[in-house]
Amino acid sequence: MYPRLRDLREDANLSQAKLAKQLDMSQTGYSKYETGENDVPTAILITLARLYKTSVDYLLGLTNVREPYPRIRG
């Protein structure tokens, strides 16, 4: 999972500092997600999946399909 977080961030041309600011957290805190030192909270996973237009399953390494699932309307 952790290399995917880094790869997606780099593909989006975002620095850790810039992404951390979007997530309202410190760069050091975000860095610990990418290294696996800290687990990523569910709310952050959902935010990242939306930002990168993918699924939480892709972020977690449960699928290699990068496209997001269809959204529930409501």
N, C-alpha and C. Protein backbone atom coordinates (compact mmCIF):
# COMPACT_ATOMS: atom_id res chain seq x y z
N MET A 1 0.82 -1.19 0.00
CA MET A 1 0.00 0.00 0.00
C MET A 1 0.86 1.26 0.00
N TYR A 2 1.88 1.27 0.80
CA TYR A 2 2.64 2.50 0.99
C TYR A 2 3.33 3.00 -0.27
N PRO A 3 3.90 2.12 -1.09
CA PRO A 3 4.47 2.63 -2.35
C PRO A 3 3.40 3.24 -3.26
N ARG A 4 2.18 2.74 -3.20
CA ARG A 4 1.11 3.31 -4.02
C ARG A 4 0.81 4.74 -3.61
N LEU A 5 0.82 5.00 -2.32
CA LEU A 5 0.57 6.36 -1.86
C LEU A 5 1.61 7.31 -2.42
N ARG A 6 2.86 6.90 -2.37
CA ARG A 6 3.94 7.73 -2.90
C ARG A 6 3.82 7.88 -4.41
N ASP A 7 3.59 6.77 -5.11
CA ASP A 7 3.50 6.82 -6.57
C ASP A 7 2.35 7.71 -7.03
N LEU A 8 1.20 7.58 -6.40
CA LEU A 8 0.06 8.41 -6.78
C LEU A 8 0.33 9.88 -6.51
N ARG A 9 0.96 10.16 -5.38
CA ARG A 9 1.29 11.55 -5.06
C ARG A 9 2.25 12.13 -6.09
N GLU A 10 3.27 11.34 -6.43
CA GLU A 10 4.25 11.81 -7.42
C GLU A 10 3.61 11.96 -8.80
N ASP A 11 2.73 11.02 -9.17
CA ASP A 11 2.02 11.13 -10.46
C ASP A 11 1.19 12.40 -10.53
N ALA A 12 0.69 12.85 -9.38
CA ALA A 12 -0.12 14.08 -9.32
C ALA A 12 0.76 15.33 -9.17
N ASN A 13 2.07 15.14 -9.22
CA ASN A 13 3.03 16.24 -9.07
C ASN A 13 2.80 17.03 -7.78
N LEU A 14 2.58 16.29 -6.69
CA LEU A 14 2.40 16.91 -5.38
C LEU A 14 3.58 16.57 -4.49
N SER A 15 4.04 17.54 -3.74
CA SER A 15 5.05 17.26 -2.71
C SER A 15 4.32 16.75 -1.47
N GLN A 16 5.06 16.11 -0.59
CA GLN A 16 4.45 15.68 0.67
C GLN A 16 3.89 16.88 1.42
N ALA A 17 4.63 17.98 1.40
CA ALA A 17 4.19 19.17 2.13
C ALA A 17 2.88 19.72 1.57
N LYS A 18 2.76 19.77 0.24
CA LYS A 18 1.55 20.30 -0.40
C LYS A 18 0.35 19.40 -0.11
N LEU A 19 0.55 18.08 -0.21
CA LEU A 19 -0.54 17.14 0.06
C LEU A 19 -0.92 17.20 1.53
N ALA A 20 0.06 17.25 2.41
CA ALA A 20 -0.22 17.33 3.84
C ALA A 20 -1.06 18.57 4.15
N LYS A 21 -0.76 19.68 3.50
CA LYS A 21 -1.53 20.91 3.71
C LYS A 21 -2.98 20.70 3.29
N GLN A 22 -3.19 20.02 2.15
CA GLN A 22 -4.55 19.73 1.69
C GLN A 22 -5.30 18.84 2.69
N LEU A 23 -4.54 17.96 3.36
CA LEU A 23 -5.14 17.04 4.34
C LEU A 23 -5.20 17.65 5.74
N ASP A 24 -4.75 18.90 5.86
CA ASP A 24 -4.74 19.63 7.13
C ASP A 24 -3.93 18.89 8.19
N MET A 25 -2.71 18.52 7.80
CA MET A 25 -1.80 17.84 8.72
C MET A 25 -0.37 18.24 8.40
N SER A 26 0.56 17.78 9.21
CA SER A 26 1.97 18.11 8.99
C SER A 26 2.58 17.22 7.91
N GLN A 27 3.64 17.70 7.30
CA GLN A 27 4.36 16.91 6.31
C GLN A 27 4.93 15.66 6.96
N THR A 28 5.44 15.79 8.19
CA THR A 28 6.00 14.64 8.90
C THR A 28 4.93 13.59 9.14
N GLY A 29 3.74 14.02 9.52
CA GLY A 29 2.64 13.08 9.74
C GLY A 29 2.28 12.34 8.47
N TYR A 30 2.21 13.06 7.36
CA TYR A 30 1.90 12.40 6.10
C TYR A 30 3.01 11.46 5.69
N SER A 31 4.24 11.88 5.87
CA SER A 31 5.39 11.04 5.52
C SER A 31 5.32 9.68 6.21
N LYS A 32 4.84 9.67 7.42
CA LYS A 32 4.73 8.41 8.17
C LYS A 32 3.70 7.47 7.56
N TYR A 33 2.72 8.00 6.84
CA TYR A 33 1.78 7.15 6.10
C TYR A 33 2.50 6.47 4.95
N GLU A 34 3.31 7.23 4.22
CA GLU A 34 4.00 6.68 3.05
C GLU A 34 5.05 5.64 3.43
N THR A 35 5.65 5.77 4.60
CA THR A 35 6.67 4.81 5.03
C THR A 35 6.07 3.63 5.77
N GLY A 36 4.79 3.72 6.12
CA GLY A 36 4.15 2.64 6.86
C GLY A 36 4.37 2.73 8.36
N GLU A 37 4.99 3.81 8.81
CA GLU A 37 5.22 3.98 10.24
C GLU A 37 3.90 4.18 11.00
N ASN A 38 2.95 4.87 10.37
CA ASN A 38 1.61 5.06 10.94
C ASN A 38 0.57 4.51 9.98
N ASP A 39 -0.49 3.93 10.55
CA ASP A 39 -1.62 3.50 9.73
C ASP A 39 -2.39 4.72 9.25
N VAL A 40 -2.96 4.61 8.06
CA VAL A 40 -3.73 5.71 7.49
C VAL A 40 -5.18 5.58 7.97
N PRO A 41 -5.70 6.62 8.62
CA PRO A 41 -7.10 6.57 9.07
C PRO A 41 -8.07 6.45 7.89
N THR A 42 -9.21 5.85 8.16
CA THR A 42 -10.21 5.64 7.12
C THR A 42 -10.60 6.94 6.42
N ALA A 43 -10.81 7.99 7.17
CA ALA A 43 -11.21 9.27 6.56
C ALA A 43 -10.15 9.79 5.59
N ILE A 44 -8.88 9.60 5.92
CA ILE A 44 -7.80 10.03 5.04
C ILE A 44 -7.77 9.14 3.80
N LEU A 45 -7.97 7.83 3.96
CA LEU A 45 -8.01 6.92 2.80
C LEU A 45 -9.11 7.34 1.83
N ILE A 46 -10.26 7.66 2.35
CA ILE A 46 -11.38 8.09 1.49
C ILE A 46 -11.03 9.39 0.78
N THR A 47 -10.45 10.33 1.50
CA THR A 47 -10.05 11.60 0.89
C THR A 47 -9.03 11.38 -0.21
N LEU A 48 -8.04 10.53 0.04
CA LEU A 48 -7.01 10.25 -0.97
C LEU A 48 -7.60 9.54 -2.18
N ALA A 49 -8.51 8.60 -1.95
CA ALA A 49 -9.15 7.90 -3.07
C ALA A 49 -9.91 8.88 -3.95
N ARG A 50 -10.60 9.82 -3.34
CA ARG A 50 -11.33 10.83 -4.12
C ARG A 50 -10.36 11.75 -4.85
N LEU A 51 -9.30 12.17 -4.18
CA LEU A 51 -8.32 13.06 -4.78
C LEU A 51 -7.67 12.41 -6.01
N TYR A 52 -7.30 11.15 -5.88
CA TYR A 52 -6.60 10.44 -6.95
C TYR A 52 -7.55 9.74 -7.92
N LYS A 53 -8.86 9.88 -7.67
CA LYS A 53 -9.88 9.25 -8.54
C LYS A 53 -9.64 7.75 -8.66
N THR A 54 -9.55 7.10 -7.52
CA THR A 54 -9.36 5.66 -7.46
C THR A 54 -10.22 5.12 -6.32
N SER A 55 -10.01 3.87 -5.95
CA SER A 55 -10.77 3.27 -4.85
C SER A 55 -9.86 3.06 -3.65
N VAL A 56 -10.47 2.95 -2.49
CA VAL A 56 -9.72 2.63 -1.28
C VAL A 56 -9.08 1.25 -1.44
N ASP A 57 -9.78 0.32 -2.10
CA ASP A 57 -9.21 -1.01 -2.35
C ASP A 57 -7.90 -0.90 -3.13
N TYR A 58 -7.84 0.00 -4.10
CA TYR A 58 -6.60 0.19 -4.86
C TYR A 58 -5.50 0.73 -3.94
N LEU A 59 -5.84 1.72 -3.13
CA LEU A 59 -4.86 2.29 -2.21
C LEU A 59 -4.31 1.22 -1.26
N LEU A 60 -5.19 0.32 -0.81
CA LEU A 60 -4.78 -0.72 0.14
C LEU A 60 -4.09 -1.90 -0.53
N GLY A 61 -4.05 -1.92 -1.85
CA GLY A 61 -3.40 -3.02 -2.55
C GLY A 61 -4.26 -4.26 -2.68
N LEU A 62 -5.58 -4.09 -2.54
CA LEU A 62 -6.49 -5.23 -2.65
C LEU A 62 -6.90 -5.50 -4.09
N THR A 63 -6.63 -4.55 -4.98
CA THR A 63 -6.91 -4.70 -6.39
C THR A 63 -5.86 -3.92 -7.17
N ASN A 64 -5.65 -4.33 -8.40
CA ASN A 64 -4.76 -3.58 -9.29
C ASN A 64 -5.55 -2.71 -10.26
N VAL A 65 -6.87 -2.69 -10.13
CA VAL A 65 -7.74 -1.86 -10.96
C VAL A 65 -7.75 -0.47 -10.34
N ARG A 66 -7.23 0.49 -11.09
CA ARG A 66 -7.09 1.85 -10.55
C ARG A 66 -8.38 2.66 -10.63
N GLU A 67 -9.29 2.32 -11.54
CA GLU A 67 -10.52 3.09 -11.70
C GLU A 67 -11.38 2.96 -10.45
N PRO A 68 -12.05 4.06 -10.07
CA PRO A 68 -12.91 4.01 -8.89
C PRO A 68 -14.19 3.23 -9.17
N TYR A 69 -14.82 2.78 -8.10
CA TYR A 69 -16.12 2.13 -8.21
C TYR A 69 -17.17 3.20 -8.50
N PRO A 70 -18.29 2.82 -9.10
CA PRO A 70 -19.36 3.80 -9.27
C PRO A 70 -19.85 4.29 -7.91
N ARG A 71 -20.14 5.56 -7.82
CA ARG A 71 -20.59 6.18 -6.56
C ARG A 71 -22.06 5.86 -6.30
N ILE A 72 -22.39 5.77 -5.03
CA ILE A 72 -23.79 5.61 -4.62
C ILE A 72 -24.46 6.98 -4.69
N ARG A 73 -25.60 7.01 -5.32
CA ARG A 73 -26.33 8.29 -5.41
C ARG A 73 -27.25 8.41 -4.22
N GLY A 74 -27.35 9.60 -3.73
CA GLY A 74 -28.26 9.75 -2.60
C GLY A 74 -28.22 11.08 -1.96
